[in-house]
Amino acid sequence: MKIVLMGDMDTVLGFKLAGVHEAYSFGETSLETERAKNKLKELIEREDVGIILITERLAERVEIPEVKFPIILQIPDKFGSIYGEAQLREIVRKAIGVEIKR
């Protein structure tokens, strides 16, 4: 199963260097948002994708559907989390069933 990232150019570059299988970058225009929505739909339908990482700021612009598989996990970008640490813990708990403790 592949891990795929969707986000801004800097986040994508960092994850590519870390070895993520596929990564797609999107700008902030409405055309780029439409591209991101279409790519997300495509990735959800693929059988070889197990985890989709999407930056929080991009996730705000596209509608994230409720799906059981693949796992869709929102992550902070280079500016940090827009939800805060408590919300990130809850997202991880819901996505993979593990509670992160400090």
C-alpha atoms as a PDB file:
ATOM      1  CA  MET A   1       0.000   0.000   0.000  1.00  0.00           C
ATOM      2  CA  LYS A   2       1.203   3.465  -0.883  1.00  0.00           C
ATOM      3  CA  ILE A   3       1.406   6.585   1.247  1.00  0.00           C
ATOM      4  CA  VAL A   4       0.456   9.682  -0.741  1.00  0.00           C
ATOM      5  CA  LEU A   5       0.814  13.332   0.249  1.00  0.00           C
ATOM      6  CA  MET A   6      -1.183  16.327  -0.944  1.00  0.00           C
ATOM      7  CA  GLY A   7      -0.061  19.799   0.076  1.00  0.00           C
ATOM      8  CA  ASP A   8       1.965  22.905  -0.680  1.00  0.00           C
ATOM      9  CA  MET A   9       5.251  22.804  -2.585  1.00  0.00           C
ATOM     10  CA  ASP A  10       7.526  23.009   0.493  1.00  0.00           C
ATOM     11  CA  THR A  11       5.715  20.267   2.406  1.00  0.00           C
ATOM     12  CA  VAL A  12       5.701  18.051  -0.686  1.00  0.00           C
ATOM     13  CA  LEU A  13       9.433  18.536  -1.169  1.00  0.00           C
ATOM     14  CA  GLY A  14      10.159  17.569   2.436  1.00  0.00           C
ATOM     15  CA  PHE A  15       8.071  14.420   2.249  1.00  0.00           C
ATOM     16  CA  LYS A  16       9.598  13.426  -1.085  1.00  0.00           C
ATOM     17  CA  LEU A  17      13.027  13.649   0.538  1.00  0.00           C
ATOM     18  CA  ALA A  18      11.701  11.495   3.387  1.00  0.00           C
ATOM     19  CA  GLY A  19      10.615   8.812   0.917  1.00  0.00           C
ATOM     20  CA  VAL A  20       6.848   9.195   0.560  1.00  0.00           C
ATOM     21  CA  HIS A  21       5.618   7.121  -2.395  1.00  0.00           C
ATOM     22  CA  GLU A  22       3.744   9.886  -4.216  1.00  0.00           C
ATOM     23  CA  ALA A  23       3.326  13.605  -3.527  1.00  0.00           C
ATOM     24  CA  TYR A  24       1.218  16.259  -5.228  1.00  0.00           C
ATOM     25  CA  SER A  25       1.546  20.001  -4.705  1.00  0.00           C
ATOM     26  CA  PHE A  26      -1.220  22.547  -5.167  1.00  0.00           C
ATOM     27  CA  GLY A  27      -1.253  26.331  -5.130  1.00  0.00           C
ATOM     28  CA  GLU A  28      -3.880  28.536  -3.555  1.00  0.00           C
ATOM     29  CA  THR A  29      -5.968  29.529  -6.589  1.00  0.00           C
ATOM     30  CA  SER A  30      -9.488  28.261  -7.242  1.00  0.00           C
ATOM     31  CA  LEU A  31      -8.178  26.304 -10.237  1.00  0.00           C
ATOM     32  CA  GLU A  32      -5.603  24.593  -8.013  1.00  0.00           C
ATOM     33  CA  THR A  33      -8.330  23.816  -5.461  1.00  0.00           C
ATOM     34  CA  GLU A  34     -10.352  22.101  -8.192  1.00  0.00           C
ATOM     35  CA  ARG A  35      -7.266  20.122  -9.220  1.00  0.00           C
ATOM     36  CA  ALA A  36      -6.811  19.057  -5.588  1.00  0.00           C
ATOM     37  CA  LYS A  37     -10.457  17.958  -5.286  1.00  0.00           C
ATOM     38  CA  ASN A  38     -10.152  15.858  -8.433  1.00  0.00           C
ATOM     39  CA  LYS A  39      -6.859  14.321  -7.305  1.00  0.00           C
ATOM     40  CA  LEU A  40      -8.329  13.433  -3.896  1.00  0.00           C
ATOM     41  CA  LYS A  41     -11.280  11.656  -5.555  1.00  0.00           C
ATOM     42  CA  GLU A  42      -8.860   9.778  -7.804  1.00  0.00           C
ATOM     43  CA  LEU A  43      -6.642   8.722  -4.894  1.00  0.00           C
ATOM     44  CA  ILE A  44      -9.613   7.479  -2.840  1.00  0.00           C
ATOM     45  CA  GLU A  45     -10.717   5.252  -5.717  1.00  0.00           C
ATOM     46  CA  ARG A  46      -7.274   3.696  -6.216  1.00  0.00           C
ATOM     47  CA  GLU A  47      -6.755   0.304  -4.600  1.00  0.00           C
ATOM     48  CA  ASP A  48      -3.004   0.754  -4.127  1.00  0.00           C
ATOM     49  CA  VAL A  49      -3.324   3.816  -1.835  1.00  0.00           C
ATOM     50  CA  GLY A  50      -3.475   3.043   1.894  1.00  0.00           C
ATOM     51  CA  ILE A  51      -2.865   6.458   3.493  1.00  0.00           C
ATOM     52  CA  ILE A  52      -3.497   9.946   2.159  1.00  0.00           C
ATOM     53  CA  LEU A  53      -1.715  12.724   4.045  1.00  0.00           C
ATOM     54  CA  ILE A  54      -3.170  16.155   3.317  1.00  0.00           C
ATOM     55  CA  THR A  55      -2.051  19.444   4.789  1.00  0.00           C
ATOM     56  CA  GLU A  56      -4.608  21.133   7.033  1.00  0.00           C
ATOM     57  CA  ARG A  57      -4.721  24.278   4.921  1.00  0.00           C
ATOM     58  CA  LEU A  58      -5.420  22.303   1.748  1.00  0.00           C
ATOM     59  CA  ALA A  59      -7.997  20.173   3.560  1.00  0.00           C
ATOM     60  CA  GLU A  60      -9.868  23.374   4.498  1.00  0.00           C
ATOM     61  CA  ARG A  61     -10.268  24.157   0.798  1.00  0.00           C
ATOM     62  CA  VAL A  62     -11.350  20.718  -0.385  1.00  0.00           C
ATOM     63  CA  GLU A  63     -14.169  18.629   1.012  1.00  0.00           C
ATOM     64  CA  ILE A  64     -12.787  15.594   2.816  1.00  0.00           C
ATOM     65  CA  PRO A  65     -15.276  12.723   2.476  1.00  0.00           C
ATOM     66  CA  GLU A  66     -15.959  10.251   5.278  1.00  0.00           C
ATOM     67  CA  VAL A  67     -14.309   7.058   4.065  1.00  0.00           C
ATOM     68  CA  LYS A  68     -13.038   4.035   5.960  1.00  0.00           C
ATOM     69  CA  PHE A  69     -10.258   3.336   3.496  1.00  0.00           C
ATOM     70  CA  PRO A  70      -7.844   4.751   2.561  1.00  0.00           C
ATOM     71  CA  ILE A  71      -7.011   6.540   5.791  1.00  0.00           C
ATOM     72  CA  ILE A  72      -7.054  10.313   5.245  1.00  0.00           C
ATOM     73  CA  LEU A  73      -4.947  12.148   7.781  1.00  0.00           C
ATOM     74  CA  GLN A  74      -4.592  15.924   8.014  1.00  0.00           C
ATOM     75  CA  ILE A  75      -1.109  17.118   8.889  1.00  0.00           C
ATOM     76  CA  PRO A  76       0.409  20.529   9.665  1.00  0.00           C
ATOM     77  CA  ASP A  77       2.364  22.310   6.952  1.00  0.00           C
ATOM     78  CA  LYS A  78       5.476  24.478   7.230  1.00  0.00           C
ATOM     79  CA  PHE A  79       3.506  27.116   9.179  1.00  0.00           C
ATOM     80  CA  GLY A  80       2.414  24.635  11.864  1.00  0.00           C
ATOM     81  CA  SER A  81      -0.966  23.314  12.876  1.00  0.00           C
ATOM     82  CA  ILE A  82      -4.054  25.456  12.500  1.00  0.00           C
ATOM     83  CA  TYR A  83      -5.990  23.204  14.897  1.00  0.00           C
ATOM     84  CA  GLY A  84      -3.556  22.955  17.787  1.00  0.00           C
ATOM     85  CA  GLU A  85      -2.048  19.986  19.537  1.00  0.00           C
ATOM     86  CA  ALA A  86      -5.223  18.679  21.206  1.00  0.00           C
ATOM     87  CA  GLN A  87      -7.096  18.562  17.914  1.00  0.00           C
ATOM     88  CA  LEU A  88      -4.187  16.764  16.220  1.00  0.00           C
ATOM     89  CA  ARG A  89      -4.242  14.084  18.907  1.00  0.00           C
ATOM     90  CA  GLU A  90      -7.973  13.597  18.351  1.00  0.00           C
ATOM     91  CA  ILE A  91      -7.526  13.344  14.576  1.00  0.00           C
ATOM     92  CA  VAL A  92      -4.852  10.671  15.015  1.00  0.00           C
ATOM     93  CA  ARG A  93      -6.994   8.808  17.554  1.00  0.00           C
ATOM     94  CA  LYS A  94      -9.952   8.731  15.167  1.00  0.00           C
ATOM     95  CA  ALA A  95      -7.851   7.846  12.124  1.00  0.00           C
ATOM     96  CA  ILE A  96      -5.763   5.006  13.544  1.00  0.00           C
ATOM     97  CA  GLY A  97      -7.249   4.287  16.954  1.00  0.00           C
ATOM     98  CA  VAL A  98      -4.150   5.215  18.942  1.00  0.00           C
ATOM     99  CA  GLU A  99      -4.079   7.908  21.614  1.00  0.00           C
ATOM    100  CA  ILE A 100      -0.914  10.023  21.706  1.00  0.00           C
ATOM    101  CA  LYS A 101       0.226  11.010  25.176  1.00  0.00           C
ATOM    102  CA  ARG A 102       2.885  13.494  26.177  1.00  0.00           C
END
